[in-house]
C-alpha atoms as a PDB file:
ATOM      1  CA  MET A   1      14.813  -0.647   8.513  1.00  0.00           C
ATOM      2  CA  ALA A   2      14.060   3.024   9.106  1.00  0.00           C
ATOM      3  CA  GLY A   3      11.468   4.357   6.688  1.00  0.00           C
ATOM      4  CA  LEU A   4      10.178   0.944   5.607  1.00  0.00           C
ATOM      5  CA  THR A   5       6.777   0.677   7.256  1.00  0.00           C
ATOM      6  CA  HIS A   6       6.299  -3.050   6.648  1.00  0.00           C
ATOM      7  CA  PHE A   7       9.126  -3.965   9.050  1.00  0.00           C
ATOM      8  CA  ASN A   8       8.990  -3.662  12.829  1.00  0.00           C
ATOM      9  CA  ALA A   9      11.829  -2.497  15.111  1.00  0.00           C
ATOM     10  CA  VAL A  10      13.608  -5.868  14.947  1.00  0.00           C
ATOM     11  CA  GLY A  11      13.244  -6.223  11.171  1.00  0.00           C
ATOM     12  CA  ASP A  12      10.309  -8.643  11.036  1.00  0.00           C
ATOM     13  CA  ALA A  13       7.712  -8.133   8.321  1.00  0.00           C
ATOM     14  CA  HIS A  14       4.333  -7.054   9.673  1.00  0.00           C
ATOM     15  CA  MET A  15       1.081  -5.505   8.516  1.00  0.00           C
ATOM     16  CA  VAL A  16       1.047  -1.783   9.298  1.00  0.00           C
ATOM     17  CA  ASP A  17      -1.474  -0.714  11.919  1.00  0.00           C
ATOM     18  CA  VAL A  18      -3.683   1.897  10.247  1.00  0.00           C
ATOM     19  CA  SER A  19      -6.376   1.986  12.929  1.00  0.00           C
ATOM     20  CA  ASP A  20      -5.397   5.502  14.079  1.00  0.00           C
ATOM     21  CA  LYS A  21      -5.306   6.969  10.558  1.00  0.00           C
ATOM     22  CA  LYS A  22      -8.104   9.224   9.371  1.00  0.00           C
ATOM     23  CA  ILE A  23     -10.519   7.929   6.769  1.00  0.00           C
ATOM     24  CA  THR A  24      -9.991   9.992   3.615  1.00  0.00           C
ATOM     25  CA  ALA A  25     -10.895   9.818  -0.057  1.00  0.00           C
ATOM     26  CA  ARG A  26      -8.024   8.235  -1.950  1.00  0.00           C
ATOM     27  CA  VAL A  27      -7.208   7.651  -5.603  1.00  0.00           C
ATOM     28  CA  ALA A  28      -4.305   6.039  -7.403  1.00  0.00           C
ATOM     29  CA  THR A  29      -3.469   5.634 -11.070  1.00  0.00           C
ATOM     30  CA  ALA A  30      -0.900   3.235 -12.471  1.00  0.00           C
ATOM     31  CA  ALA A  31       0.270   2.692 -16.027  1.00  0.00           C
ATOM     32  CA  GLY A  32       2.250   0.189 -18.043  1.00  0.00           C
ATOM     33  CA  HIS A  33       2.322  -1.469 -21.432  1.00  0.00           C
ATOM     34  CA  ILE A  34       2.734  -4.721 -23.287  1.00  0.00           C
ATOM     35  CA  ARG A  35       4.918  -4.684 -26.399  1.00  0.00           C
ATOM     36  CA  MET A  36       4.384  -7.293 -29.123  1.00  0.00           C
ATOM     37  CA  ALA A  37       5.169  -8.247 -32.691  1.00  0.00           C
ATOM     38  CA  GLN A  38       3.438  -6.222 -35.397  1.00  0.00           C
ATOM     39  CA  ALA A  39       1.512  -9.320 -36.499  1.00  0.00           C
ATOM     40  CA  THR A  40       0.130  -9.768 -32.955  1.00  0.00           C
ATOM     41  CA  PHE A  41      -0.809  -6.093 -32.796  1.00  0.00           C
ATOM     42  CA  ASP A  42      -2.656  -6.510 -36.100  1.00  0.00           C
ATOM     43  CA  ILE A  43      -4.576  -9.540 -34.800  1.00  0.00           C
ATOM     44  CA  ILE A  44      -5.742  -7.574 -31.748  1.00  0.00           C
ATOM     45  CA  SER A  45      -6.539  -4.360 -33.592  1.00  0.00           C
ATOM     46  CA  GLU A  46      -8.463  -6.225 -36.304  1.00  0.00           C
ATOM     47  CA  GLY A  47     -10.365  -8.393 -33.788  1.00  0.00           C
ATOM     48  CA  ARG A  48      -9.005 -11.689 -35.143  1.00  0.00           C
ATOM     49  CA  ALA A  49      -7.822 -13.311 -31.887  1.00  0.00           C
ATOM     50  CA  LYS A  50      -9.059 -16.903 -31.607  1.00  0.00           C
ATOM     51  CA  LYS A  51      -9.756 -16.528 -27.869  1.00  0.00           C
ATOM     52  CA  GLY A  52     -12.062 -13.550 -28.445  1.00  0.00           C
ATOM     53  CA  ASP A  53     -12.047  -9.867 -27.499  1.00  0.00           C
ATOM     54  CA  VAL A  54      -8.516  -9.472 -26.115  1.00  0.00           C
ATOM     55  CA  LEU A  55      -8.935  -5.943 -24.796  1.00  0.00           C
ATOM     56  CA  GLY A  56     -12.393  -6.554 -23.308  1.00  0.00           C
ATOM     57  CA  VAL A  57     -11.321  -9.687 -21.459  1.00  0.00           C
ATOM     58  CA  ALA A  58      -8.100  -8.013 -20.260  1.00  0.00           C
ATOM     59  CA  ARG A  59     -10.078  -5.012 -18.933  1.00  0.00           C
ATOM     60  CA  LEU A  60     -12.324  -7.319 -16.878  1.00  0.00           C
ATOM     61  CA  ALA A  61      -9.293  -9.240 -15.608  1.00  0.00           C
ATOM     62  CA  GLY A  62      -7.669  -5.990 -14.469  1.00  0.00           C
ATOM     63  CA  ILE A  63     -10.813  -4.996 -12.577  1.00  0.00           C
ATOM     64  CA  MET A  64     -10.917  -8.422 -10.904  1.00  0.00           C
ATOM     65  CA  GLY A  65      -7.200  -8.195 -10.115  1.00  0.00           C
ATOM     66  CA  ALA A  66      -7.653  -4.871  -8.332  1.00  0.00           C
ATOM     67  CA  LYS A  67     -10.354  -6.433  -6.151  1.00  0.00           C
ATOM     68  CA  LYS A  68      -8.073  -9.376  -5.253  1.00  0.00           C
ATOM     69  CA  THR A  69      -4.949  -7.382  -4.345  1.00  0.00           C
ATOM     70  CA  ALA A  70      -5.109  -8.107  -0.599  1.00  0.00           C
ATOM     71  CA  ASP A  71      -5.282 -11.838  -1.436  1.00  0.00           C
ATOM     72  CA  LEU A  72      -2.149 -11.614  -3.606  1.00  0.00           C
ATOM     73  CA  ILE A  73       0.138  -9.179  -1.754  1.00  0.00           C
ATOM     74  CA  PRO A  74       0.728 -10.481   1.783  1.00  0.00           C
ATOM     75  CA  LEU A  75       0.840  -7.204   3.722  1.00  0.00           C
ATOM     76  CA  CYS A  76      -1.851  -5.264   1.825  1.00  0.00           C
ATOM     77  CA  HIS A  77      -4.974  -4.287   3.709  1.00  0.00           C
ATOM     78  CA  PRO A  78      -8.298  -5.302   2.156  1.00  0.00           C
ATOM     79  CA  LEU A  79      -9.888  -2.037   1.062  1.00  0.00           C
ATOM     80  CA  PRO A  80     -13.439  -1.068   0.111  1.00  0.00           C
ATOM     81  CA  ILE A  81     -12.887  -0.211  -3.540  1.00  0.00           C
ATOM     82  CA  THR A  82     -15.396   2.324  -4.809  1.00  0.00           C
ATOM     83  CA  LYS A  83     -14.214   2.577  -8.444  1.00  0.00           C
ATOM     84  CA  VAL A  84     -11.998   0.689 -10.852  1.00  0.00           C
ATOM     85  CA  ALA A  85     -11.374   2.006 -14.358  1.00  0.00           C
ATOM     86  CA  VAL A  86      -8.999   0.162 -16.686  1.00  0.00           C
ATOM     87  CA  GLU A  87      -8.159   1.746 -20.032  1.00  0.00           C
ATOM     88  CA  LEU A  88      -6.388  -0.085 -22.840  1.00  0.00           C
ATOM     89  CA  THR A  89      -5.103   1.900 -25.808  1.00  0.00           C
ATOM     90  CA  LEU A  90      -3.645   0.363 -28.932  1.00  0.00           C
ATOM     91  CA  ASN A  91      -0.261   1.980 -29.531  1.00  0.00           C
ATOM     92  CA  PRO A  92       1.109   1.317 -33.039  1.00  0.00           C
ATOM     93  CA  ALA A  93       4.436   2.949 -32.104  1.00  0.00           C
ATOM     94  CA  LEU A  94       5.278   0.145 -29.605  1.00  0.00           C
ATOM     95  CA  PRO A  95       3.609  -1.854 -31.234  1.00  0.00           C
ATOM     96  CA  GLY A  96       1.411  -2.924 -28.360  1.00  0.00           C
ATOM     97  CA  VAL A  97      -1.104  -1.820 -25.774  1.00  0.00           C
ATOM     98  CA  ASP A  98      -0.814   1.003 -23.225  1.00  0.00           C
ATOM     99  CA  ILE A  99      -2.650   0.238 -19.986  1.00  0.00           C
ATOM    100  CA  THR A 100      -3.895   2.667 -17.322  1.00  0.00           C
ATOM    101  CA  ALA A 101      -5.831   1.801 -14.170  1.00  0.00           C
ATOM    102  CA  THR A 102      -7.463   4.264 -11.792  1.00  0.00           C
ATOM    103  CA  ILE A 103      -8.762   3.024  -8.449  1.00  0.00           C
ATOM    104  CA  LYS A 104     -10.716   4.926  -5.776  1.00  0.00           C
ATOM    105  CA  THR A 105     -11.550   4.221  -2.156  1.00  0.00           C
ATOM    106  CA  THR A 106     -12.440   5.933   1.068  1.00  0.00           C
ATOM    107  CA  GLY A 107     -10.234   4.445   3.723  1.00  0.00           C
ATOM    108  CA  GLN A 108      -7.287   4.596   6.078  1.00  0.00           C
ATOM    109  CA  THR A 109      -4.526   3.579   3.668  1.00  0.00           C
ATOM    110  CA  GLY A 110      -3.550   4.109   0.053  1.00  0.00           C
ATOM    111  CA  ILE A 111      -4.774   2.258  -2.991  1.00  0.00           C
ATOM    112  CA  GLU A 112      -1.594   2.243  -5.105  1.00  0.00           C
ATOM    113  CA  MET A 113      -1.106  -1.518  -4.884  1.00  0.00           C
ATOM    114  CA  GLU A 114      -4.572  -2.091  -6.316  1.00  0.00           C
ATOM    115  CA  ALA A 115      -3.796   0.176  -9.275  1.00  0.00           C
ATOM    116  CA  LEU A 116      -0.465  -1.581  -9.892  1.00  0.00           C
ATOM    117  CA  THR A 117      -2.128  -4.990  -9.624  1.00  0.00           C
ATOM    118  CA  ALA A 118      -4.860  -3.989 -12.075  1.00  0.00           C
ATOM    119  CA  VAL A 119      -2.277  -2.937 -14.684  1.00  0.00           C
ATOM    120  CA  SER A 120      -0.209  -6.087 -14.119  1.00  0.00           C
ATOM    121  CA  VAL A 121      -3.152  -8.480 -14.388  1.00  0.00           C
ATOM    122  CA  THR A 122      -4.435  -6.658 -17.472  1.00  0.00           C
ATOM    123  CA  ALA A 123      -1.060  -7.033 -19.208  1.00  0.00           C
ATOM    124  CA  LEU A 124      -0.755 -10.679 -18.161  1.00  0.00           C
ATOM    125  CA  THR A 125      -4.190 -11.365 -19.611  1.00  0.00           C
ATOM    126  CA  VAL A 126      -3.236  -9.812 -22.952  1.00  0.00           C
ATOM    127  CA  TYR A 127      -0.182 -12.072 -22.894  1.00  0.00           C
ATOM    128  CA  ASP A 128      -2.278 -15.142 -22.050  1.00  0.00           C
ATOM    129  CA  MET A 129      -4.746 -14.459 -24.832  1.00  0.00           C
ATOM    130  CA  CYS A 130      -2.033 -13.940 -27.470  1.00  0.00           C
ATOM    131  CA  LYS A 131       0.787 -16.274 -26.390  1.00  0.00           C
ATOM    132  CA  ALA A 132      -0.144 -18.857 -29.027  1.00  0.00           C
ATOM    133  CA  VAL A 133       1.072 -16.458 -31.720  1.00  0.00           C
ATOM    134  CA  ASP A 134       3.689 -14.413 -29.821  1.00  0.00           C
ATOM    135  CA  LYS A 135       5.646 -15.780 -26.874  1.00  0.00           C
ATOM    136  CA  ALA A 136       8.112 -12.865 -27.036  1.00  0.00           C
ATOM    137  CA  MET A 137       5.670 -10.189 -25.852  1.00  0.00           C
ATOM    138  CA  GLU A 138       7.195  -7.902 -23.237  1.00  0.00           C
ATOM    139  CA  ILE A 139       5.395  -6.358 -20.265  1.00  0.00           C
ATOM    140  CA  GLY A 140       6.988  -3.204 -18.913  1.00  0.00           C
ATOM    141  CA  ALA A 141       7.056   0.290 -17.452  1.00  0.00           C
ATOM    142  CA  ILE A 142       4.508  -0.519 -14.729  1.00  0.00           C
ATOM    143  CA  ARG A 143       4.499   2.380 -12.293  1.00  0.00           C
ATOM    144  CA  VAL A 144       2.325   4.618 -10.129  1.00  0.00           C
ATOM    145  CA  THR A 145       1.543   7.811 -12.022  1.00  0.00           C
ATOM    146  CA  LEU A 146      -0.788   9.453  -9.494  1.00  0.00           C
ATOM    147  CA  LYS A 147      -1.533   9.036  -5.786  1.00  0.00           C
ATOM    148  CA  GLU A 148      -3.852  11.347  -3.911  1.00  0.00           C
ATOM    149  CA  GLY A 149      -5.296  11.398  -0.409  1.00  0.00           C
ATOM    150  CA  GLY A 150      -4.069  10.602   3.044  1.00  0.00           C
ATOM    151  CA  LYS A 151      -1.362  12.214   5.130  1.00  0.00           C
ATOM    152  CA  SER A 152       1.295  12.248   2.397  1.00  0.00           C
ATOM    153  CA  GLY A 153      -0.967  14.161   0.000  1.00  0.00           C
ATOM    154  CA  ARG A 154      -0.566  14.169  -3.761  1.00  0.00           C
ATOM    155  CA  TYR A 155       2.137  12.450  -5.801  1.00  0.00           C
ATOM    156  CA  GLU A 156       2.231  12.792  -9.560  1.00  0.00           C
ATOM    157  CA  ALA A 157       4.916  11.193 -11.711  1.00  0.00           C
ATOM    158  CA  ASN A 158       6.789  13.348 -14.215  1.00  0.00           C
END
């Protein structure tokens, strides 16, 4: 299991010991989207969803999701999150919603999982709020687009 830090020498899953790592400022950004029928896009963009403000509720859900990452992903460390920003942009070309989450912390390990969780929970919330009119919505392209801080330095997706 060389290179996979969540496995010990005999292949058992374990939480990585970060106690000897330096505390550094860290940031991660993740992105994704949810594609939907044009009629669903129109309902959201015109503010006609029966459950309320789809994008506003989804933004709050994404923020909450980021804060709950260590409860959802078994080997994630609980981190002191210092900033969560979730942006939702209507994209008529999909049609659908582009989602970006940026998370910051000062700690001993990265914050990528929190950014990925924020995007995922945001997209799932859009789905939940619109499933009555469109069960065929598709969530996709969730990925880390930026990671900065710590020993490995900066990563930026192409």
